[in-house]
Amino acid sequence: MDALKYIITKAMMQLGFTPDYKGFSYLRSAVETALADPDSVSLVTKLVYIPLAKEYSTTPENIEKSIRKAADALWSRTESGHTVTVLGGTYTFTSERPGNRELISIIVRFVKESVDIFDTHV
């Protein structure tokens, strides 16, 4: 596993995601895509889900749904107001789960901040 993938995985696991959901891999790949092309988050279906669907031999709808299911599982077992440390930063859960686009952006922010701390380039 390369360094970037490791950092993304660590951020996701510190948030509470578990790798036993298909959405875990899809979300990690979506974050990698967003780090490589920050504009991709604004057109998540076209620039993230469609290319990932081709890579994973599935449909864009399945990519979106699997990420949503993994996030739903996390939010259903985490109390609102619960705070976790993610790569040296903190995240406080709210009662309403963020959408996939926002979730990707949240993880991207943590990864970028941690990379800045270690003075490496993404």
C-alpha atoms as a PDB file:
ATOM      1  CA  MET A   1       0.000   0.000   0.000  1.00  0.00           C
ATOM      2  CA  ASP A   2       1.459   3.348  -0.979  1.00  0.00           C
ATOM      3  CA  ALA A   3       1.802   6.191   1.543  1.00  0.00           C
ATOM      4  CA  LEU A   4      -1.194   8.180   0.322  1.00  0.00           C
ATOM      5  CA  LYS A   5      -3.520   5.181   0.370  1.00  0.00           C
ATOM      6  CA  TYR A   6      -2.267   4.380   3.877  1.00  0.00           C
ATOM      7  CA  ILE A   7      -3.001   7.929   5.104  1.00  0.00           C
ATOM      8  CA  ILE A   8      -6.501   7.878   3.567  1.00  0.00           C
ATOM      9  CA  THR A   9      -7.204   4.457   5.077  1.00  0.00           C
ATOM     10  CA  LYS A  10      -5.993   5.622   8.478  1.00  0.00           C
ATOM     11  CA  ALA A  11      -8.226   8.722   8.322  1.00  0.00           C
ATOM     12  CA  MET A  12     -11.258   6.633   7.385  1.00  0.00           C
ATOM     13  CA  MET A  13     -10.625   4.104  10.141  1.00  0.00           C
ATOM     14  CA  GLN A  14     -10.070   6.849  12.711  1.00  0.00           C
ATOM     15  CA  LEU A  15     -13.437   8.278  11.699  1.00  0.00           C
ATOM     16  CA  GLY A  16     -14.864   4.816  12.388  1.00  0.00           C
ATOM     17  CA  PHE A  17     -15.323   3.303   8.925  1.00  0.00           C
ATOM     18  CA  THR A  18     -14.734  -0.420   8.740  1.00  0.00           C
ATOM     19  CA  PRO A  19     -13.253  -2.135   5.681  1.00  0.00           C
ATOM     20  CA  ASP A  20     -15.932  -4.835   5.628  1.00  0.00           C
ATOM     21  CA  TYR A  21     -18.161  -2.651   3.419  1.00  0.00           C
ATOM     22  CA  LYS A  22     -17.605  -2.391  -0.355  1.00  0.00           C
ATOM     23  CA  GLY A  23     -18.143   1.321   0.110  1.00  0.00           C
ATOM     24  CA  PHE A  24     -14.908   1.513   2.111  1.00  0.00           C
ATOM     25  CA  SER A  25     -12.750   0.797  -0.952  1.00  0.00           C
ATOM     26  CA  TYR A  26     -14.927   2.957  -3.165  1.00  0.00           C
ATOM     27  CA  LEU A  27     -14.745   5.872  -0.703  1.00  0.00           C
ATOM     28  CA  ARG A  28     -10.968   5.533  -0.410  1.00  0.00           C
ATOM     29  CA  SER A  29     -10.665   5.603  -4.203  1.00  0.00           C
ATOM     30  CA  ALA A  30     -13.023   8.591  -4.387  1.00  0.00           C
ATOM     31  CA  VAL A  31     -10.820  10.469  -1.911  1.00  0.00           C
ATOM     32  CA  GLU A  32      -7.732   9.596  -3.995  1.00  0.00           C
ATOM     33  CA  THR A  33      -9.505  10.963  -7.072  1.00  0.00           C
ATOM     34  CA  ALA A  34     -10.494  14.155  -5.246  1.00  0.00           C
ATOM     35  CA  LEU A  35      -6.943  14.686  -4.027  1.00  0.00           C
ATOM     36  CA  ALA A  36      -5.607  14.285  -7.571  1.00  0.00           C
ATOM     37  CA  ASP A  37      -8.323  16.540  -9.045  1.00  0.00           C
ATOM     38  CA  PRO A  38      -9.975  18.856  -6.487  1.00  0.00           C
ATOM     39  CA  ASP A  39     -12.592  19.952  -9.055  1.00  0.00           C
ATOM     40  CA  SER A  40     -13.875  16.383  -9.300  1.00  0.00           C
ATOM     41  CA  VAL A  41     -15.869  16.759  -6.074  1.00  0.00           C
ATOM     42  CA  SER A  42     -18.096  19.378  -7.687  1.00  0.00           C
ATOM     43  CA  LEU A  43     -19.069  16.882 -10.408  1.00  0.00           C
ATOM     44  CA  VAL A  44     -18.896  13.756  -8.278  1.00  0.00           C
ATOM     45  CA  THR A  45     -21.079  11.555 -10.494  1.00  0.00           C
ATOM     46  CA  LYS A  46     -19.312  12.391 -13.734  1.00  0.00           C
ATOM     47  CA  LEU A  47     -15.723  12.721 -12.500  1.00  0.00           C
ATOM     48  CA  VAL A  48     -15.648  10.263  -9.581  1.00  0.00           C
ATOM     49  CA  TYR A  49     -18.411   7.638  -9.727  1.00  0.00           C
ATOM     50  CA  ILE A  50     -18.250   6.894 -13.471  1.00  0.00           C
ATOM     51  CA  PRO A  51     -14.456   6.356 -13.591  1.00  0.00           C
ATOM     52  CA  LEU A  52     -14.564   4.301 -10.370  1.00  0.00           C
ATOM     53  CA  ALA A  53     -17.404   2.195 -11.762  1.00  0.00           C
ATOM     54  CA  LYS A  54     -15.254   1.366 -14.785  1.00  0.00           C
ATOM     55  CA  GLU A  55     -12.265   0.577 -12.548  1.00  0.00           C
ATOM     56  CA  TYR A  56     -14.318  -1.720 -10.289  1.00  0.00           C
ATOM     57  CA  SER A  57     -16.500  -3.191 -13.083  1.00  0.00           C
ATOM     58  CA  THR A  58     -19.757  -1.977 -11.576  1.00  0.00           C
ATOM     59  CA  THR A  59     -22.215   0.884 -12.059  1.00  0.00           C
ATOM     60  CA  PRO A  60     -21.922   4.504 -10.874  1.00  0.00           C
ATOM     61  CA  GLU A  61     -25.158   3.950  -8.930  1.00  0.00           C
ATOM     62  CA  ASN A  62     -23.561   1.022  -7.079  1.00  0.00           C
ATOM     63  CA  ILE A  63     -20.509   3.149  -6.202  1.00  0.00           C
ATOM     64  CA  GLU A  64     -22.748   5.902  -4.798  1.00  0.00           C
ATOM     65  CA  LYS A  65     -25.013   3.486  -2.921  1.00  0.00           C
ATOM     66  CA  SER A  66     -22.135   1.509  -1.413  1.00  0.00           C
ATOM     67  CA  ILE A  67     -20.434   4.656  -0.107  1.00  0.00           C
ATOM     68  CA  ARG A  68     -23.784   5.807   1.299  1.00  0.00           C
ATOM     69  CA  LYS A  69     -24.375   2.442   3.018  1.00  0.00           C
ATOM     70  CA  ALA A  70     -20.937   2.479   4.654  1.00  0.00           C
ATOM     71  CA  ALA A  71     -21.534   6.047   5.864  1.00  0.00           C
ATOM     72  CA  ASP A  72     -25.064   5.193   7.067  1.00  0.00           C
ATOM     73  CA  ALA A  73     -23.656   2.279   9.086  1.00  0.00           C
ATOM     74  CA  LEU A  74     -21.077   4.532  10.713  1.00  0.00           C
ATOM     75  CA  TRP A  75     -23.571   7.279  11.552  1.00  0.00           C
ATOM     76  CA  SER A  76     -26.124   4.791  12.907  1.00  0.00           C
ATOM     77  CA  ARG A  77     -23.644   3.498  15.491  1.00  0.00           C
ATOM     78  CA  THR A  78     -22.156   6.880  16.442  1.00  0.00           C
ATOM     79  CA  GLU A  79     -23.875   9.323  18.776  1.00  0.00           C
ATOM     80  CA  SER A  80     -24.376  12.931  17.745  1.00  0.00           C
ATOM     81  CA  GLY A  81     -21.771  15.089  19.448  1.00  0.00           C
ATOM     82  CA  HIS A  82     -19.189  12.278  19.582  1.00  0.00           C
ATOM     83  CA  THR A  83     -15.738  13.644  18.738  1.00  0.00           C
ATOM     84  CA  VAL A  84     -12.908  11.620  17.221  1.00  0.00           C
ATOM     85  CA  THR A  85      -9.301  12.455  16.466  1.00  0.00           C
ATOM     86  CA  VAL A  86      -8.465  12.059  12.798  1.00  0.00           C
ATOM     87  CA  LEU A  87      -4.835  12.423  11.721  1.00  0.00           C
ATOM     88  CA  GLY A  88      -4.228  14.983  14.459  1.00  0.00           C
ATOM     89  CA  GLY A  89      -7.423  16.963  13.797  1.00  0.00           C
ATOM     90  CA  THR A  90     -10.859  16.462  15.302  1.00  0.00           C
ATOM     91  CA  TYR A  91     -14.266  15.660  13.868  1.00  0.00           C
ATOM     92  CA  THR A  92     -17.524  15.954  15.780  1.00  0.00           C
ATOM     93  CA  PHE A  93     -20.414  13.851  14.531  1.00  0.00           C
ATOM     94  CA  THR A  94     -23.765  15.523  13.974  1.00  0.00           C
ATOM     95  CA  SER A  95     -27.142  13.841  13.999  1.00  0.00           C
ATOM     96  CA  GLU A  96     -27.404  14.241  10.227  1.00  0.00           C
ATOM     97  CA  ARG A  97     -24.978  12.312   8.059  1.00  0.00           C
ATOM     98  CA  PRO A  98     -23.173  14.390   5.435  1.00  0.00           C
ATOM     99  CA  GLY A  99     -23.819  13.531   1.814  1.00  0.00           C
ATOM    100  CA  ASN A 100     -21.212  11.562  -0.102  1.00  0.00           C
ATOM    101  CA  ARG A 101     -19.734  14.686  -1.694  1.00  0.00           C
ATOM    102  CA  GLU A 102     -19.325  16.375   1.686  1.00  0.00           C
ATOM    103  CA  LEU A 103     -17.940  13.180   3.218  1.00  0.00           C
ATOM    104  CA  ILE A 104     -15.295  12.920   0.503  1.00  0.00           C
ATOM    105  CA  SER A 105     -14.401  16.579   1.123  1.00  0.00           C
ATOM    106  CA  ILE A 106     -14.119  16.025   4.889  1.00  0.00           C
ATOM    107  CA  ILE A 107     -11.664  13.159   4.433  1.00  0.00           C
ATOM    108  CA  VAL A 108      -9.718  15.105   1.788  1.00  0.00           C
ATOM    109  CA  ARG A 109      -9.344  17.996   4.243  1.00  0.00           C
ATOM    110  CA  PHE A 110      -7.946  15.726   6.977  1.00  0.00           C
ATOM    111  CA  VAL A 111      -5.524  14.083   4.556  1.00  0.00           C
ATOM    112  CA  LYS A 112      -4.315  17.426   3.178  1.00  0.00           C
ATOM    113  CA  GLU A 113      -3.811  18.821   6.682  1.00  0.00           C
ATOM    114  CA  SER A 114      -1.833  15.759   7.765  1.00  0.00           C
ATOM    115  CA  VAL A 115       0.286  15.845   4.627  1.00  0.00           C
ATOM    116  CA  ASP A 116       1.067  19.515   5.356  1.00  0.00           C
ATOM    117  CA  ILE A 117       2.221  18.546   8.850  1.00  0.00           C
ATOM    118  CA  PHE A 118       4.671  16.020   7.427  1.00  0.00           C
ATOM    119  CA  ASP A 119       5.628  18.404   4.611  1.00  0.00           C
ATOM    120  CA  THR A 120       4.956  15.888   1.865  1.00  0.00           C
ATOM    121  CA  HIS A 121       3.142  16.420  -1.403  1.00  0.00           C
ATOM    122  CA  VAL A 122      -0.130  14.858  -2.466  1.00  0.00           C
END
